[in-house]
Amino acid sequence: MNTPRKLSLGVQSFKVLRNDRYLYVDKTWYLAQLVTGGRVYFLSRPRRFGKSLFLSTLAAYFLGQQELFKGLYIEQAEKEQAARENRTTWQAYPVLYLDFNTGLYDKEQSLARQLNMLLSQFEEIYGTNKNEEELSHRFAGIIKRAYQQTGKQVVILVDEYDKPLLQTMGVNEELNERYRNTLKAFYSVIKTCDEYI
């Protein structure tokens, strides 16, 4: 019996989408163009346009999860690109996935707690340095250690990067300004650590 595939309403995980056999329109051609065409991208699309799912797809690709891409455009494209670059296919890179979607950013320490939680997860994998006290220093340390431990450049994916600002804008301008300054210092690490990313 041939059962139809389920529609993927609200599914934001590429792994769930593929493993649970949801209907998927193959967009991995765009993924192939993105990973071979540049280094830094800002994806700005309206809400509910699949940004989180696309980031999940990027994470799966950079983690080398080949089995999730079986039968998709990028399966063959990855083989061809690897041959051109004289490397093995489906290499795994360290991926730092920063998701700001969860949480309510209505209090002074809300953003710091979220950043601390995210960084703590990465520090469990890549270690800590007691001299790294500031959030931005910890982030930079994680990036450098991930690169040193794996020998691979680090992939940083940020989902809902502006949610703390959107939740405070027009509601608490003073807190919004503090969040803006915190995020500016935090994201500046990406520029500083460019050689590792």
N, C-alpha and C. Protein backbone atom coordinates (compact mmCIF):
# COMPACT_ATOMS: atom_id res chain seq x y z
N MET A 1 0.84 -1.17 0.00
CA MET A 1 0.00 0.00 0.00
C MET A 1 0.89 1.24 0.00
N ASN A 2 0.60 2.18 -0.83
CA ASN A 2 1.38 3.41 -0.95
C ASN A 2 0.66 4.52 -0.20
N THR A 3 1.16 4.87 0.99
CA THR A 3 0.51 5.92 1.77
C THR A 3 1.12 7.26 1.40
N PRO A 4 0.28 8.28 1.27
CA PRO A 4 0.79 9.60 0.92
C PRO A 4 1.62 10.19 2.06
N ARG A 5 2.57 11.02 1.70
CA ARG A 5 3.39 11.68 2.71
C ARG A 5 2.57 12.75 3.43
N LYS A 6 2.96 12.99 4.69
CA LYS A 6 2.28 14.00 5.50
C LYS A 6 2.76 15.39 5.11
N LEU A 7 1.90 16.38 5.28
CA LEU A 7 2.30 17.77 5.07
C LEU A 7 3.06 18.25 6.30
N SER A 8 4.07 19.05 6.07
CA SER A 8 4.97 19.44 7.15
C SER A 8 4.59 20.77 7.78
N LEU A 9 3.37 20.91 8.20
CA LEU A 9 2.92 22.14 8.82
C LEU A 9 3.56 22.31 10.19
N GLY A 10 4.32 23.37 10.35
CA GLY A 10 4.94 23.67 11.63
C GLY A 10 6.20 22.90 11.95
N VAL A 11 6.65 22.02 11.08
CA VAL A 11 7.88 21.26 11.33
C VAL A 11 9.06 22.16 11.04
N GLN A 12 9.95 22.32 12.04
CA GLN A 12 11.11 23.19 11.88
C GLN A 12 12.42 22.42 11.94
N SER A 13 12.35 21.13 12.06
CA SER A 13 13.55 20.29 12.13
C SER A 13 13.68 19.48 10.85
N PHE A 14 14.79 19.68 10.13
CA PHE A 14 15.02 18.94 8.90
C PHE A 14 15.10 17.45 9.19
N LYS A 15 15.72 17.08 10.30
CA LYS A 15 15.85 15.67 10.66
C LYS A 15 14.47 15.03 10.86
N VAL A 16 13.59 15.70 11.58
CA VAL A 16 12.23 15.20 11.79
C VAL A 16 11.51 15.11 10.46
N LEU A 17 11.63 16.14 9.64
CA LEU A 17 10.97 16.18 8.35
C LEU A 17 11.36 14.99 7.49
N ARG A 18 12.64 14.68 7.45
CA ARG A 18 13.12 13.58 6.60
C ARG A 18 12.87 12.21 7.23
N ASN A 19 13.14 12.08 8.53
CA ASN A 19 12.99 10.77 9.18
C ASN A 19 11.53 10.35 9.32
N ASP A 20 10.64 11.31 9.49
CA ASP A 20 9.22 10.99 9.65
C ASP A 20 8.46 11.04 8.33
N ARG A 21 9.20 11.13 7.23
CA ARG A 21 8.68 11.04 5.87
C ARG A 21 7.60 12.08 5.55
N TYR A 22 7.87 13.31 5.96
CA TYR A 22 6.99 14.40 5.55
C TYR A 22 7.27 14.77 4.11
N LEU A 23 6.29 15.36 3.47
CA LEU A 23 6.47 15.86 2.12
C LEU A 23 7.52 16.97 2.17
N TYR A 24 8.50 16.91 1.27
CA TYR A 24 9.56 17.92 1.24
C TYR A 24 9.83 18.34 -0.19
N VAL A 25 9.69 19.61 -0.47
CA VAL A 25 10.05 20.16 -1.77
C VAL A 25 11.55 20.42 -1.71
N ASP A 26 12.30 19.76 -2.57
CA ASP A 26 13.76 19.81 -2.52
C ASP A 26 14.28 21.21 -2.82
N LYS A 27 14.81 21.85 -1.79
CA LYS A 27 15.40 23.18 -1.93
C LYS A 27 16.91 23.13 -1.74
N THR A 28 17.47 21.94 -1.82
CA THR A 28 18.90 21.82 -1.52
C THR A 28 19.78 22.39 -2.62
N TRP A 29 19.20 22.71 -3.79
CA TRP A 29 19.97 23.44 -4.79
C TRP A 29 20.42 24.77 -4.21
N TYR A 30 19.52 25.43 -3.47
CA TYR A 30 19.86 26.71 -2.84
C TYR A 30 20.92 26.51 -1.78
N LEU A 31 20.82 25.44 -1.06
CA LEU A 31 21.81 25.11 -0.03
C LEU A 31 23.19 24.97 -0.67
N ALA A 32 23.26 24.24 -1.78
CA ALA A 32 24.53 24.05 -2.47
C ALA A 32 25.11 25.38 -2.94
N GLN A 33 24.26 26.26 -3.46
CA GLN A 33 24.72 27.57 -3.90
C GLN A 33 25.24 28.40 -2.73
N LEU A 34 24.56 28.30 -1.61
CA LEU A 34 24.94 29.06 -0.43
C LEU A 34 26.28 28.63 0.12
N VAL A 35 26.48 27.33 0.28
CA VAL A 35 27.71 26.84 0.92
C VAL A 35 28.93 26.98 0.02
N THR A 36 28.73 27.08 -1.28
CA THR A 36 29.88 27.23 -2.17
C THR A 36 30.08 28.67 -2.64
N GLY A 37 29.11 29.52 -2.41
CA GLY A 37 29.16 30.86 -2.97
C GLY A 37 29.67 31.96 -2.06
N GLY A 38 29.79 31.73 -0.78
CA GLY A 38 30.22 32.79 0.12
C GLY A 38 30.40 32.30 1.54
N ARG A 39 30.57 33.27 2.44
CA ARG A 39 30.85 32.92 3.83
C ARG A 39 29.80 33.43 4.81
N VAL A 40 29.31 34.63 4.62
CA VAL A 40 28.39 35.23 5.58
C VAL A 40 27.10 35.58 4.86
N TYR A 41 25.99 35.16 5.44
CA TYR A 41 24.68 35.45 4.85
C TYR A 41 23.72 35.93 5.92
N PHE A 42 22.85 36.84 5.52
CA PHE A 42 21.76 37.30 6.35
C PHE A 42 20.48 36.96 5.61
N LEU A 43 19.69 36.07 6.17
CA LEU A 43 18.44 35.66 5.52
C LEU A 43 17.28 36.41 6.17
N SER A 44 16.69 37.29 5.40
CA SER A 44 15.57 38.09 5.91
C SER A 44 14.34 37.78 5.07
N ARG A 45 13.41 37.08 5.68
CA ARG A 45 12.15 36.77 5.02
C ARG A 45 11.04 36.94 6.05
N PRO A 46 9.80 37.09 5.60
CA PRO A 46 8.70 37.26 6.57
C PRO A 46 8.56 36.04 7.49
N ARG A 47 7.84 36.25 8.56
CA ARG A 47 7.57 35.16 9.49
C ARG A 47 6.89 34.00 8.76
N ARG A 48 7.15 32.79 9.24
CA ARG A 48 6.54 31.56 8.74
C ARG A 48 6.94 31.26 7.29
N PHE A 49 8.13 31.69 6.87
CA PHE A 49 8.62 31.43 5.53
C PHE A 49 9.70 30.36 5.52
N GLY A 50 9.89 29.64 6.61
CA GLY A 50 10.82 28.51 6.60
C GLY A 50 12.26 28.83 6.93
N LYS A 51 12.53 29.97 7.56
CA LYS A 51 13.92 30.30 7.91
C LYS A 51 14.50 29.30 8.91
N SER A 52 13.73 28.95 9.92
CA SER A 52 14.22 28.01 10.94
C SER A 52 14.46 26.63 10.33
N LEU A 53 13.57 26.19 9.46
CA LEU A 53 13.75 24.90 8.79
C LEU A 53 14.99 24.94 7.91
N PHE A 54 15.21 26.05 7.21
CA PHE A 54 16.39 26.15 6.36
C PHE A 54 17.67 26.13 7.19
N LEU A 55 17.66 26.80 8.34
CA LEU A 55 18.83 26.76 9.22
C LEU A 55 19.07 25.35 9.75
N SER A 56 17.99 24.64 10.05
CA SER A 56 18.11 23.25 10.48
C SER A 56 18.71 22.39 9.37
N THR A 57 18.33 22.68 8.12
CA THR A 57 18.87 21.97 6.97
C THR A 57 20.36 22.26 6.82
N LEU A 58 20.73 23.52 6.98
CA LEU A 58 22.15 23.90 6.94
C LEU A 58 22.94 23.19 8.04
N ALA A 59 22.38 23.14 9.23
CA ALA A 59 23.07 22.47 10.34
C ALA A 59 23.29 20.99 10.00
N ALA A 60 22.28 20.33 9.48
CA ALA A 60 22.41 18.91 9.11
C ALA A 60 23.49 18.72 8.05
N TYR A 61 23.53 19.62 7.08
CA TYR A 61 24.55 19.53 6.04
C TYR A 61 25.96 19.68 6.63
N PHE A 62 26.16 20.71 7.44
CA PHE A 62 27.49 20.97 7.99
C PHE A 62 27.89 19.95 9.06
N LEU A 63 26.92 19.27 9.64
CA LEU A 63 27.24 18.18 10.58
C LEU A 63 27.54 16.88 9.84
N GLY A 64 27.42 16.91 8.53
CA GLY A 64 27.75 15.74 7.70
C GLY A 64 26.72 14.64 7.76
N GLN A 65 25.46 14.98 8.01
CA GLN A 65 24.41 13.99 8.16
C GLN A 65 23.88 13.55 6.80
N GLN A 66 24.71 12.86 6.08
CA GLN A 66 24.47 12.44 4.69
C GLN A 66 23.15 11.70 4.53
N GLU A 67 22.80 10.85 5.47
CA GLU A 67 21.60 10.02 5.34
C GLU A 67 20.32 10.84 5.20
N LEU A 68 20.32 12.07 5.72
CA LEU A 68 19.13 12.91 5.63
C LEU A 68 18.93 13.50 4.23
N PHE A 69 19.97 13.45 3.40
CA PHE A 69 19.92 14.09 2.08
C PHE A 69 19.79 13.08 0.94
N LYS A 70 19.51 11.85 1.29
CA LYS A 70 19.40 10.80 0.27
C LYS A 70 18.29 11.14 -0.73
N GLY A 71 18.65 11.11 -2.00
CA GLY A 71 17.68 11.37 -3.06
C GLY A 71 17.46 12.83 -3.36
N LEU A 72 18.13 13.73 -2.65
CA LEU A 72 17.97 15.16 -2.89
C LEU A 72 19.08 15.69 -3.79
N TYR A 73 18.89 16.85 -4.34
CA TYR A 73 19.85 17.45 -5.26
C TYR A 73 21.26 17.47 -4.67
N ILE A 74 21.36 17.85 -3.42
CA ILE A 74 22.69 18.05 -2.84
C ILE A 74 23.48 16.75 -2.65
N GLU A 75 22.80 15.63 -2.68
CA GLU A 75 23.52 14.37 -2.53
C GLU A 75 24.57 14.22 -3.64
N GLN A 76 24.18 14.45 -4.87
CA GLN A 76 25.11 14.37 -5.99
C GLN A 76 26.01 15.61 -6.05
N ALA A 77 25.44 16.77 -5.76
CA ALA A 77 26.21 18.02 -5.81
C ALA A 77 27.38 17.98 -4.83
N GLU A 78 27.16 17.38 -3.66
CA GLU A 78 28.23 17.27 -2.66
C GLU A 78 29.37 16.39 -3.19
N LYS A 79 29.03 15.31 -3.86
CA LYS A 79 30.07 14.44 -4.44
C LYS A 79 30.89 15.20 -5.47
N GLU A 80 30.22 15.94 -6.33
CA GLU A 80 30.91 16.70 -7.37
C GLU A 80 31.77 17.81 -6.78
N GLN A 81 31.25 18.49 -5.77
CA GLN A 81 32.01 19.58 -5.13
C GLN A 81 33.23 19.01 -4.41
N ALA A 82 33.07 17.90 -3.74
CA ALA A 82 34.19 17.27 -3.03
C ALA A 82 35.27 16.85 -4.02
N ALA A 83 34.88 16.34 -5.17
CA ALA A 83 35.86 15.96 -6.20
C ALA A 83 36.61 17.18 -6.71
N ARG A 84 35.89 18.29 -6.93
CA ARG A 84 36.54 19.53 -7.39
C ARG A 84 37.52 20.06 -6.35
N GLU A 85 37.16 19.93 -5.07
CA GLU A 85 38.00 20.45 -3.99
C GLU A 85 39.00 19.41 -3.48
N ASN A 86 38.98 18.23 -4.08
CA ASN A 86 39.90 17.15 -3.68
C ASN A 86 39.80 16.86 -2.17
N ARG A 87 38.58 16.62 -1.71
CA ARG A 87 38.33 16.32 -0.31
C ARG A 87 37.32 15.19 -0.21
N THR A 88 37.16 14.66 0.99
CA THR A 88 36.15 13.63 1.19
C THR A 88 34.77 14.28 1.25
N THR A 89 33.75 13.51 0.94
CA THR A 89 32.39 14.04 0.98
C THR A 89 31.85 14.06 2.41
N TRP A 90 30.86 14.88 2.60
CA TRP A 90 30.09 14.96 3.84
C TRP A 90 30.97 15.10 5.08
N GLN A 91 31.85 16.08 5.03
CA GLN A 91 32.69 16.38 6.18
C GLN A 91 31.85 17.02 7.28
N ALA A 92 32.18 16.68 8.50
CA ALA A 92 31.46 17.27 9.64
C ALA A 92 32.25 18.46 10.18
N TYR A 93 31.55 19.55 10.38
CA TYR A 93 32.14 20.77 10.93
C TYR A 93 31.54 21.03 12.30
N PRO A 94 32.23 21.75 13.16
CA PRO A 94 31.60 22.15 14.41
C PRO A 94 30.54 23.21 14.12
N VAL A 95 29.33 22.96 14.59
CA VAL A 95 28.21 23.87 14.33
C VAL A 95 27.75 24.47 15.66
N LEU A 96 27.73 25.79 15.71
CA LEU A 96 27.19 26.51 16.86
C LEU A 96 25.85 27.09 16.44
N TYR A 97 24.78 26.47 16.92
CA TYR A 97 23.43 26.88 16.55
C TYR A 97 22.87 27.71 17.70
N LEU A 98 22.71 29.00 17.45
CA LEU A 98 22.20 29.91 18.47
C LEU A 98 20.73 30.21 18.15
N ASP A 99 19.84 29.73 18.99
CA ASP A 99 18.41 29.91 18.75
C ASP A 99 17.83 30.80 19.84
N PHE A 100 17.40 31.99 19.44
CA PHE A 100 16.82 32.94 20.39
C PHE A 100 15.30 32.89 20.40
N ASN A 101 14.73 31.89 19.76
CA ASN A 101 13.28 31.78 19.66
C ASN A 101 12.64 31.51 21.01
N THR A 102 13.31 30.71 21.84
CA THR A 102 12.72 30.39 23.14
C THR A 102 13.01 31.52 24.11
N GLY A 103 12.14 31.67 25.04
CA GLY A 103 12.37 32.65 26.10
C GLY A 103 11.55 33.91 25.93
N LEU A 104 11.32 34.51 27.07
CA LEU A 104 10.62 35.78 27.14
C LEU A 104 11.66 36.79 27.60
N TYR A 105 11.90 37.81 26.81
CA TYR A 105 12.96 38.76 27.07
C TYR A 105 12.39 40.04 27.68
N ASP A 106 11.80 39.89 28.85
CA ASP A 106 11.12 41.04 29.48
C ASP A 106 11.82 41.56 30.73
N LYS A 107 12.88 40.88 31.14
CA LYS A 107 13.58 41.29 32.36
C LYS A 107 15.05 41.55 32.06
N GLU A 108 15.68 42.28 32.92
CA GLU A 108 17.09 42.68 32.77
C GLU A 108 18.00 41.50 32.43
N GLN A 109 17.85 40.40 33.13
CA GLN A 109 18.76 39.27 32.97
C GLN A 109 18.29 38.21 31.97
N SER A 110 17.16 38.42 31.33
CA SER A 110 16.62 37.41 30.42
C SER A 110 17.58 37.08 29.29
N LEU A 111 18.14 38.09 28.65
CA LEU A 111 19.05 37.85 27.53
C LEU A 111 20.34 37.20 28.00
N ALA A 112 20.88 37.68 29.11
CA ALA A 112 22.13 37.10 29.64
C ALA A 112 21.93 35.63 30.00
N ARG A 113 20.77 35.29 30.56
CA ARG A 113 20.49 33.89 30.90
C ARG A 113 20.42 33.02 29.65
N GLN A 114 19.78 33.54 28.59
CA GLN A 114 19.66 32.78 27.34
C GLN A 114 21.05 32.57 26.72
N LEU A 115 21.85 33.63 26.67
CA LEU A 115 23.20 33.51 26.12
C LEU A 115 24.04 32.55 26.95
N ASN A 116 23.92 32.64 28.26
CA ASN A 116 24.66 31.75 29.15
C ASN A 116 24.27 30.30 28.91
N MET A 117 22.97 30.04 28.75
CA MET A 117 22.51 28.67 28.50
C MET A 117 23.08 28.14 27.18
N LEU A 118 23.03 28.95 26.13
CA LEU A 118 23.55 28.53 24.83
C LEU A 118 25.06 28.26 24.91
N LEU A 119 25.79 29.19 25.51
CA LEU A 119 27.24 29.03 25.61
C LEU A 119 27.63 27.83 26.47
N SER A 120 26.87 27.60 27.54
CA SER A 120 27.17 26.46 28.41
C SER A 120 27.07 25.13 27.67
N GLN A 121 26.10 25.03 26.76
CA GLN A 121 25.96 23.80 25.96
C GLN A 121 27.20 23.58 25.10
N PHE A 122 27.72 24.65 24.50
CA PHE A 122 28.91 24.53 23.66
C PHE A 122 30.17 24.29 24.50
N GLU A 123 30.20 24.86 25.69
CA GLU A 123 31.36 24.66 26.58
C GLU A 123 31.44 23.22 27.07
N GLU A 124 30.30 22.55 27.18
CA GLU A 124 30.31 21.14 27.53
C GLU A 124 31.04 20.32 26.47
N ILE A 125 30.95 20.75 25.23
CA ILE A 125 31.58 20.05 24.12
C ILE A 125 33.03 20.49 23.94
N TYR A 126 33.28 21.80 23.96
CA TYR A 126 34.59 22.33 23.59
C TYR A 126 35.41 22.86 24.76
N GLY A 127 34.87 22.77 25.96
CA GLY A 127 35.64 23.18 27.13
C GLY A 127 35.47 24.65 27.48
N THR A 128 36.06 25.01 28.62
CA THR A 128 35.96 26.37 29.13
C THR A 128 37.35 26.91 29.46
N ASN A 129 37.40 28.19 29.71
CA ASN A 129 38.61 28.85 30.18
C ASN A 129 38.18 29.77 31.31
N LYS A 130 38.74 29.59 32.49
CA LYS A 130 38.29 30.36 33.66
C LYS A 130 38.50 31.86 33.49
N ASN A 131 39.35 32.25 32.59
CA ASN A 131 39.59 33.68 32.36
C ASN A 131 38.53 34.32 31.47
N GLU A 132 37.69 33.52 30.86
CA GLU A 132 36.63 34.03 29.99
C GLU A 132 35.36 34.26 30.82
N GLU A 133 35.21 35.48 31.30
CA GLU A 133 34.07 35.79 32.15
C GLU A 133 32.93 36.45 31.38
N GLU A 134 33.27 37.37 30.49
CA GLU A 134 32.25 38.06 29.69
C GLU A 134 31.65 37.09 28.67
N LEU A 135 30.39 37.31 28.33
CA LEU A 135 29.72 36.45 27.35
C LEU A 135 30.45 36.46 26.01
N SER A 136 30.90 37.62 25.57
CA SER A 136 31.60 37.70 24.29
C SER A 136 32.94 36.97 24.34
N HIS A 137 33.63 37.04 25.48
CA HIS A 137 34.91 36.31 25.62
C HIS A 137 34.67 34.81 25.59
N ARG A 138 33.61 34.37 26.23
CA ARG A 138 33.28 32.94 26.23
C ARG A 138 32.96 32.47 24.82
N PHE A 139 32.19 33.27 24.09
CA PHE A 139 31.83 32.93 22.71
C PHE A 139 33.09 32.82 21.84
N ALA A 140 33.97 33.79 21.95
CA ALA A 140 35.23 33.76 21.19
C ALA A 140 36.06 32.54 21.57
N GLY A 141 36.12 32.23 22.85
CA GLY A 141 36.88 31.06 23.30
C GLY A 141 36.31 29.76 22.76
N ILE A 142 35.01 29.65 22.73
CA ILE A 142 34.36 28.45 22.19
C ILE A 142 34.70 28.29 20.72
N ILE A 143 34.61 29.37 19.96
CA ILE A 143 34.91 29.32 18.53
C ILE A 143 36.35 28.86 18.30
N LYS A 144 37.28 29.46 19.02
CA LYS A 144 38.70 29.10 18.85
C LYS A 144 38.97 27.66 19.25
N ARG A 145 38.41 27.22 20.38
CA ARG A 145 38.63 25.84 20.83
C ARG A 145 37.99 24.84 19.87
N ALA A 146 36.80 25.16 19.35
CA ALA A 146 36.14 24.25 18.40
C ALA A 146 37.02 24.10 17.16
N TYR A 147 37.59 25.18 16.69
CA TYR A 147 38.48 25.13 15.53
C TYR A 147 39.74 24.32 15.85
N GLN A 148 40.34 24.59 16.99
CA GLN A 148 41.58 23.90 17.37
C GLN A 148 41.35 22.40 17.57
N GLN A 149 40.23 22.04 18.18
CA GLN A 149 39.96 20.63 18.48
C GLN A 149 39.58 19.82 17.24
N THR A 150 38.95 20.46 16.29
CA THR A 150 38.47 19.72 15.12
C THR A 150 39.32 19.95 13.87
N GLY A 151 40.06 21.05 13.85
CA GLY A 151 40.82 21.39 12.65
C GLY A 151 39.92 21.89 11.52
N LYS A 152 38.65 22.14 11.83
CA LYS A 152 37.68 22.60 10.83
C LYS A 152 37.13 23.96 11.25
N GLN A 153 36.84 24.76 10.24
CA GLN A 153 36.25 26.05 10.53
C GLN A 153 34.86 25.86 11.13
N VAL A 154 34.50 26.78 11.98
CA VAL A 154 33.26 26.69 12.75
C VAL A 154 32.11 27.31 11.96
N VAL A 155 30.97 26.65 11.98
CA VAL A 155 29.76 27.15 11.34
C VAL A 155 28.88 27.74 12.44
N ILE A 156 28.49 28.99 12.26
CA ILE A 156 27.63 29.66 13.25
C ILE A 156 26.30 29.97 12.58
N LEU A 157 25.24 29.43 13.15
CA LEU A 157 23.89 29.67 12.65
C LEU A 157 23.10 30.35 13.75
N VAL A 158 22.47 31.47 13.43
CA VAL A 158 21.72 32.24 14.42
C VAL A 158 20.27 32.34 13.96
N ASP A 159 19.38 31.82 14.78
CA ASP A 159 17.95 31.87 14.48
C ASP A 159 17.27 32.86 15.42
N GLU A 160 16.41 33.69 14.85
CA GLU A 160 15.68 34.71 15.62
C GLU A 160 16.65 35.63 16.36
N TYR A 161 17.68 36.07 15.65
CA TYR A 161 18.73 36.90 16.24
C TYR A 161 18.20 38.17 16.91
N ASP A 162 17.07 38.66 16.43
CA ASP A 162 16.55 39.94 16.91
C ASP A 162 15.36 39.83 17.86
N LYS A 163 15.01 38.63 18.26
CA LYS A 163 13.81 38.46 19.09
C LYS A 163 13.89 39.24 20.41
N PRO A 164 15.05 39.26 21.10
CA PRO A 164 15.11 40.07 22.33
C PRO A 164 14.83 41.55 22.06
N LEU A 165 15.25 42.05 20.92
CA LEU A 165 15.02 43.46 20.59
C LEU A 165 13.57 43.70 20.21
N LEU A 166 13.00 42.78 19.46
CA LEU A 166 11.61 42.94 19.04
C LEU A 166 10.65 42.90 20.23
N GLN A 167 10.98 42.08 21.24
CA GLN A 167 10.09 41.97 22.40
C GLN A 167 10.15 43.18 23.33
N THR A 168 11.23 43.95 23.24
CA THR A 168 11.37 45.11 24.13
C THR A 168 11.16 46.43 23.41
N MET A 169 11.20 46.42 22.08
CA MET A 169 11.05 47.65 21.30
C MET A 169 9.66 48.25 21.51
N GLY A 170 9.65 49.52 21.87
CA GLY A 170 8.38 50.21 22.09
C GLY A 170 7.71 49.86 23.40
N VAL A 171 8.29 48.90 24.13
CA VAL A 171 7.71 48.47 25.41
C VAL A 171 8.61 48.94 26.55
N ASN A 172 9.91 48.71 26.39
CA ASN A 172 10.89 49.11 27.40
C ASN A 172 12.15 49.53 26.66
N GLU A 173 12.20 50.80 26.27
CA GLU A 173 13.31 51.31 25.45
C GLU A 173 14.65 51.25 26.16
N GLU A 174 14.65 51.42 27.46
CA GLU A 174 15.91 51.34 28.21
C GLU A 174 16.48 49.93 28.16
N LEU A 175 15.62 48.94 28.38
CA LEU A 175 16.06 47.55 28.31
C LEU A 175 16.43 47.20 26.87
N ASN A 176 15.70 47.71 25.90
CA ASN A 176 16.00 47.48 24.50
C ASN A 176 17.41 47.97 24.16
N GLU A 177 17.77 49.13 24.66
CA GLU A 177 19.10 49.69 24.41
C GLU A 177 20.18 48.82 25.05
N ARG A 178 19.94 48.34 26.26
CA ARG A 178 20.92 47.45 26.92
C ARG A 178 21.06 46.14 26.14
N TYR A 179 19.94 45.59 25.70
CA TYR A 179 19.99 44.36 24.89
C TYR A 179 20.75 44.61 23.59
N ARG A 180 20.50 45.76 22.96
CA ARG A 180 21.18 46.08 21.71
C ARG A 180 22.69 46.13 21.92
N ASN A 181 23.13 46.75 23.00
CA ASN A 181 24.56 46.83 23.29
C ASN A 181 25.15 45.45 23.61
N THR A 182 24.40 44.64 24.34
CA THR A 182 24.87 43.28 24.66
C THR A 182 25.02 42.46 23.39
N LEU A 183 24.02 42.50 22.53
CA LEU A 183 24.07 41.72 21.30
C LEU A 183 25.14 42.24 20.34
N LYS A 184 25.33 43.56 20.31
CA LYS A 184 26.36 44.13 19.45
C LYS A 184 27.73 43.60 19.85
N ALA A 185 28.02 43.59 21.15
CA ALA A 185 29.30 43.06 21.64
C ALA A 185 29.40 41.56 21.37
N PHE A 186 28.31 40.86 21.56
CA PHE A 186 28.31 39.41 21.37
C PHE A 186 28.54 39.06 19.91
N TYR A 187 27.80 39.70 18.99
CA TYR A 187 27.93 39.39 17.57
C TYR A 187 29.25 39.90 16.98
N SER A 188 29.88 40.89 17.61
CA SER A 188 31.16 41.40 17.10
C SER A 188 32.24 40.32 17.14
N VAL A 189 32.04 39.31 17.97
CA VAL A 189 32.98 38.18 18.06
C VAL A 189 33.10 37.49 16.70
N ILE A 190 32.02 37.45 15.97
CA ILE A 190 32.01 36.79 14.66
C ILE A 190 33.02 37.45 13.72
N LYS A 191 33.09 38.76 13.77
CA LYS A 191 34.06 39.48 12.94
C LYS A 191 35.49 39.24 13.46
N THR A 192 35.65 39.31 14.75
CA THR A 192 36.95 39.14 15.37
C THR A 192 37.53 37.75 15.11
N CYS A 193 36.70 36.75 15.10
CA CYS A 193 37.15 35.35 14.95
C CYS A 193 37.01 34.85 13.51
N ASP A 194 36.99 35.74 12.56
CA ASP A 194 36.77 35.40 11.16
C ASP A 194 37.63 34.24 10.66
N GLU A 195 38.88 34.19 11.07
CA GLU A 195 39.79 33.13 10.56
C GLU A 195 39.37 31.73 11.00
N TYR A 196 38.57 31.64 12.06
CA TYR A 196 38.14 30.34 12.57
C TYR A 196 36.76 29.94 12.06
N ILE A 197 36.10 30.83 11.31
CA ILE A 197 34.69 30.62 10.93
C ILE A 197 34.57 30.35 9.45
